[in-house]
Amino acid sequence: MIATTMLKTIPSDQALKRLSVGKPINTMWVTGLLNLDPLTVSRWLCGEDMRGIYQPIVIRGCYLDALDLARRTFYDRVELVDCRIERARFERAYFYTSLLIEDCVFKGDFSGQQMQSEGPIVFHNTVFTGYVDFSGATLRDDVNFLDVCFYGGTNLLYEMRDHCPERLGREVILRGCRFRSADVPDGLDTVRLGITPFLQSDSGRPES
């Protein structure tokens, strides 16, 4: 990702206008809170209100002050690629088609409680510096975590142990992922699952 000083600055309301007509956001610094609620519409099907967001949400090479996808239903794909995100909310987000998060850095806690999906979910080459909470997530299709670092900790492996495959997809793939030792349940076959626990230095920071 290019330096933030080289990015064109765009306020969140202008970014929302681009997304509202299905246009991606590329190489921009989106200032303020990008809240996708204004894109939510009601569509009735067989007497049921299929309320949600019907445009693709594609953001690439961007710096985001804050992103709020919480409590929204997304009927088209959602892609975050090569982004730096200071604050993010994903709790109770519902992804009908797919979710791709690739080459991203999340700077704060990641709230993914009760996330749901009908399509595949991929986290690839992504770093979480804060705590990642997947409590109650229901991911019904394949779930891939590839080369993901959970520096701030996560309950993902405990959720997998206690609820997979009932809630965490038909197949969960972990490859090249790194977790704090405290976040790895006892007896888990880390080698088979592709997990590398961090070692804790004297300062408390994770090290290879």
Protein backbone atom coordinates (compact mmCIF):
# COMPACT_ATOMS: atom_id res chain seq x y z
CA MET A 1 0.00 0.00 0.00
CA ILE A 2 1.30 3.47 -0.85
CA ALA A 3 1.96 6.02 1.91
CA THR A 4 -1.10 7.78 3.30
CA THR A 5 0.42 11.15 2.37
CA MET A 6 0.14 10.12 -1.28
CA LEU A 7 -3.49 9.07 -1.08
CA LYS A 8 -6.30 11.28 -2.28
CA THR A 9 -8.46 12.24 0.69
CA ILE A 10 -12.17 11.66 0.39
CA PRO A 11 -14.81 12.16 3.10
CA SER A 12 -16.94 9.18 3.99
CA ASP A 13 -20.13 10.66 2.49
CA GLN A 14 -18.46 10.93 -0.94
CA ALA A 15 -17.14 7.37 -0.63
CA LEU A 16 -20.67 6.25 0.18
CA LYS A 17 -21.96 7.87 -3.02
CA ARG A 18 -19.49 5.86 -5.09
CA LEU A 19 -20.47 2.63 -3.38
CA SER A 20 -24.17 3.42 -3.80
CA VAL A 21 -23.85 3.10 -7.59
CA GLY A 22 -21.66 0.01 -7.44
CA LYS A 23 -18.31 1.76 -8.01
CA PRO A 24 -15.24 0.55 -6.10
CA ILE A 25 -13.11 2.81 -3.93
CA ASN A 26 -9.44 2.67 -4.92
CA THR A 27 -6.29 4.20 -3.36
CA MET A 28 -8.01 6.80 -1.19
CA TRP A 29 -7.95 7.93 2.42
CA VAL A 30 -11.56 7.76 3.57
CA THR A 31 -11.93 10.16 6.48
CA GLY A 32 -14.53 9.85 9.19
CA LEU A 33 -16.87 6.92 9.77
CA LEU A 34 -17.85 4.94 6.67
CA ASN A 35 -21.27 3.75 7.78
CA LEU A 36 -23.07 1.70 5.13
CA ASP A 37 -26.53 1.95 6.68
CA PRO A 38 -27.76 4.57 4.12
CA LEU A 39 -27.31 1.92 1.38
CA THR A 40 -29.83 -0.40 3.05
CA VAL A 41 -33.11 -0.80 1.15
CA SER A 42 -36.19 -3.00 1.42
CA ARG A 43 -37.04 -5.50 -1.32
CA TRP A 44 -40.06 -7.70 -0.95
CA LEU A 45 -39.96 -11.32 -2.10
CA CYS A 46 -42.91 -13.65 -1.53
CA GLY A 47 -44.18 -11.38 1.20
CA GLU A 48 -40.84 -11.22 3.01
CA ASP A 49 -38.80 -8.05 3.37
CA MET A 50 -35.29 -8.91 2.11
CA ARG A 51 -33.86 -5.76 3.60
CA GLY A 52 -30.18 -5.20 2.94
CA ILE A 53 -27.43 -3.79 0.72
CA TYR A 54 -27.52 -4.96 -2.89
CA GLN A 55 -24.45 -3.20 -4.35
CA PRO A 56 -21.01 -4.82 -4.29
CA ILE A 57 -18.79 -3.27 -1.62
CA VAL A 58 -15.25 -3.19 -3.04
CA ILE A 59 -12.49 -1.16 -1.35
CA ARG A 60 -8.86 -1.51 -2.47
CA GLY A 61 -5.65 0.18 -1.47
CA CYS A 62 -7.35 2.50 1.00
CA TYR A 63 -6.82 3.89 4.48
CA LEU A 64 -10.04 3.97 6.48
CA ASP A 65 -10.53 5.90 9.70
CA ALA A 66 -13.51 3.72 10.65
CA LEU A 67 -15.69 1.14 8.90
CA ASP A 68 -19.10 0.00 10.14
CA LEU A 69 -20.60 -3.12 8.54
CA ALA A 70 -22.40 -4.18 11.70
CA ARG A 71 -26.00 -5.41 11.59
CA ARG A 72 -26.19 -5.12 7.78
CA THR A 73 -27.14 -7.82 5.27
CA PHE A 74 -25.01 -7.87 2.11
CA TYR A 75 -26.54 -9.57 -0.93
CA ASP A 76 -23.53 -8.91 -3.19
CA ARG A 77 -19.82 -9.49 -2.59
CA VAL A 78 -17.78 -7.57 -0.03
CA GLU A 79 -14.04 -7.14 -0.70
CA LEU A 80 -11.41 -5.30 1.33
CA VAL A 81 -8.00 -5.58 -0.32
CA ASP A 82 -4.74 -3.88 0.71
CA CYS A 83 -6.43 -1.62 3.25
CA ARG A 84 -5.46 -0.17 6.62
CA ILE A 85 -8.44 0.18 8.93
CA GLU A 86 -8.24 1.98 12.24
CA ARG A 87 -11.60 0.81 13.60
CA ALA A 88 -13.95 -1.84 12.26
CA ARG A 89 -17.30 -3.28 13.29
CA PHE A 90 -18.57 -6.52 11.75
CA GLU A 91 -20.85 -7.86 14.47
CA ARG A 92 -24.08 -9.40 13.17
CA ALA A 93 -23.11 -8.63 9.58
CA TYR A 94 -24.71 -11.12 7.18
CA PHE A 95 -22.86 -12.00 3.96
CA TYR A 96 -25.06 -13.79 1.45
CA THR A 97 -22.54 -13.96 -1.41
CA SER A 98 -18.93 -13.75 -0.22
CA LEU A 99 -16.48 -11.87 1.99
CA LEU A 100 -12.83 -11.37 1.00
CA ILE A 101 -10.34 -9.64 3.30
CA GLU A 102 -6.85 -9.69 1.81
CA ASP A 103 -3.55 -7.88 2.51
CA CYS A 104 -5.20 -5.76 5.22
CA VAL A 105 -4.21 -4.42 8.63
CA PHE A 106 -6.82 -3.85 11.33
CA LYS A 107 -5.45 -1.51 13.98
CA GLY A 108 -8.04 -1.89 16.73
CA ASP A 109 -10.25 -4.62 18.11
CA PHE A 110 -12.23 -6.52 15.48
CA SER A 111 -15.82 -7.15 16.56
CA GLY A 112 -17.11 -10.11 14.57
CA GLN A 113 -19.59 -11.44 17.10
CA GLN A 114 -22.53 -13.28 15.54
CA MET A 115 -21.32 -12.70 11.99
CA GLN A 116 -23.21 -14.86 9.50
CA SER A 117 -22.54 -16.02 5.96
CA GLU A 118 -24.12 -18.16 3.28
CA GLY A 119 -21.16 -17.92 0.87
CA PRO A 120 -17.40 -18.44 1.26
CA ILE A 121 -15.28 -16.27 3.54
CA VAL A 122 -11.55 -15.67 3.02
CA PHE A 123 -9.07 -13.86 5.28
CA HIS A 124 -5.69 -13.79 3.51
CA ASN A 125 -2.36 -12.22 4.48
CA THR A 126 -4.01 -10.01 7.07
CA VAL A 127 -2.85 -8.66 10.44
CA PHE A 128 -5.04 -7.95 13.46
CA THR A 129 -3.31 -5.86 16.10
CA GLY A 130 -6.28 -5.85 18.50
CA TYR A 131 -8.50 -8.60 19.85
CA VAL A 132 -10.62 -10.51 17.31
CA ASP A 133 -13.95 -11.75 18.66
CA PHE A 134 -15.89 -14.37 16.69
CA SER A 135 -18.31 -15.29 19.47
CA GLY A 136 -21.48 -16.82 18.08
CA ALA A 137 -20.42 -16.56 14.43
CA THR A 138 -22.42 -18.75 12.03
CA LEU A 139 -20.50 -19.28 8.78
CA ARG A 140 -22.27 -21.87 6.69
CA ASP A 141 -19.92 -22.16 3.70
CA ASP A 142 -16.16 -22.71 3.46
CA VAL A 143 -13.99 -20.50 5.68
CA ASN A 144 -10.31 -19.85 4.87
CA PHE A 145 -7.74 -18.18 7.14
CA LEU A 146 -4.49 -18.03 5.17
CA ASP A 147 -1.35 -16.34 6.56
CA VAL A 148 -3.29 -14.37 9.16
CA CYS A 149 -1.64 -12.95 12.30
CA PHE A 150 -3.69 -12.44 15.45
CA TYR A 151 -1.28 -10.26 17.43
CA GLY A 152 -3.94 -8.99 19.82
CA GLY A 153 -5.52 -12.36 20.50
CA THR A 154 -8.70 -14.11 19.38
CA ASN A 155 -11.25 -16.68 20.46
CA LEU A 156 -11.40 -18.24 16.97
CA LEU A 157 -9.77 -21.55 17.91
CA TYR A 158 -11.95 -21.97 20.99
CA GLU A 159 -15.03 -21.27 18.86
CA MET A 160 -13.82 -23.92 16.39
CA ARG A 161 -13.24 -26.43 19.15
CA ASP A 162 -16.61 -25.87 20.78
CA HIS A 163 -18.86 -25.30 17.76
CA CYS A 164 -17.22 -26.37 14.48
CA PRO A 165 -18.68 -27.53 12.13
CA GLU A 166 -22.09 -26.61 13.51
CA ARG A 167 -21.40 -22.88 13.25
CA LEU A 168 -18.09 -22.38 11.49
CA GLY A 169 -18.58 -23.64 7.97
CA ARG A 170 -18.54 -26.87 6.03
CA GLU A 171 -14.75 -26.67 5.99
CA VAL A 172 -12.43 -24.40 7.95
CA ILE A 173 -8.90 -24.08 6.56
CA LEU A 174 -6.08 -22.55 8.61
CA ARG A 175 -2.75 -22.22 6.83
CA GLY A 176 0.26 -20.21 7.96
CA CYS A 177 -1.73 -18.52 10.74
CA ARG A 178 -0.17 -17.20 13.92
CA PHE A 179 -1.84 -17.08 17.32
CA ARG A 180 -0.87 -16.21 20.86
CA SER A 181 -0.13 -19.34 22.88
CA ALA A 182 -2.97 -18.45 25.27
CA ASP A 183 -5.43 -18.55 22.38
CA VAL A 184 -4.58 -22.12 21.36
CA PRO A 185 -6.66 -24.76 23.20
CA ASP A 186 -4.76 -27.59 24.89
CA GLY A 187 -4.43 -30.71 22.76
CA LEU A 188 -5.02 -28.94 19.44
CA ASP A 189 -2.92 -30.37 16.59
CA THR A 190 -1.32 -27.07 15.59
CA VAL A 191 0.95 -28.60 12.94
CA ARG A 192 -1.92 -30.27 11.11
CA LEU A 193 -4.05 -27.13 11.27
CA GLY A 194 -1.29 -24.80 10.09
CA ILE A 195 -1.01 -22.83 13.34
CA THR A 196 2.17 -21.18 14.62
CA PRO A 197 1.88 -19.96 18.22
CA PHE A 198 3.70 -16.75 19.10
CA LEU A 199 6.39 -16.72 21.74
CA GLN A 200 5.99 -13.96 24.31
CA SER A 201 9.01 -11.75 24.91
CA ASP A 202 9.77 -10.22 28.29
CA SER A 203 8.02 -7.05 27.15
CA GLY A 204 4.84 -8.96 26.47
CA ARG A 205 4.98 -8.38 22.72
CA PRO A 206 4.63 -11.42 20.41
CA GLU A 207 7.75 -12.53 18.62
CA SER A 208 8.57 -15.21 16.09
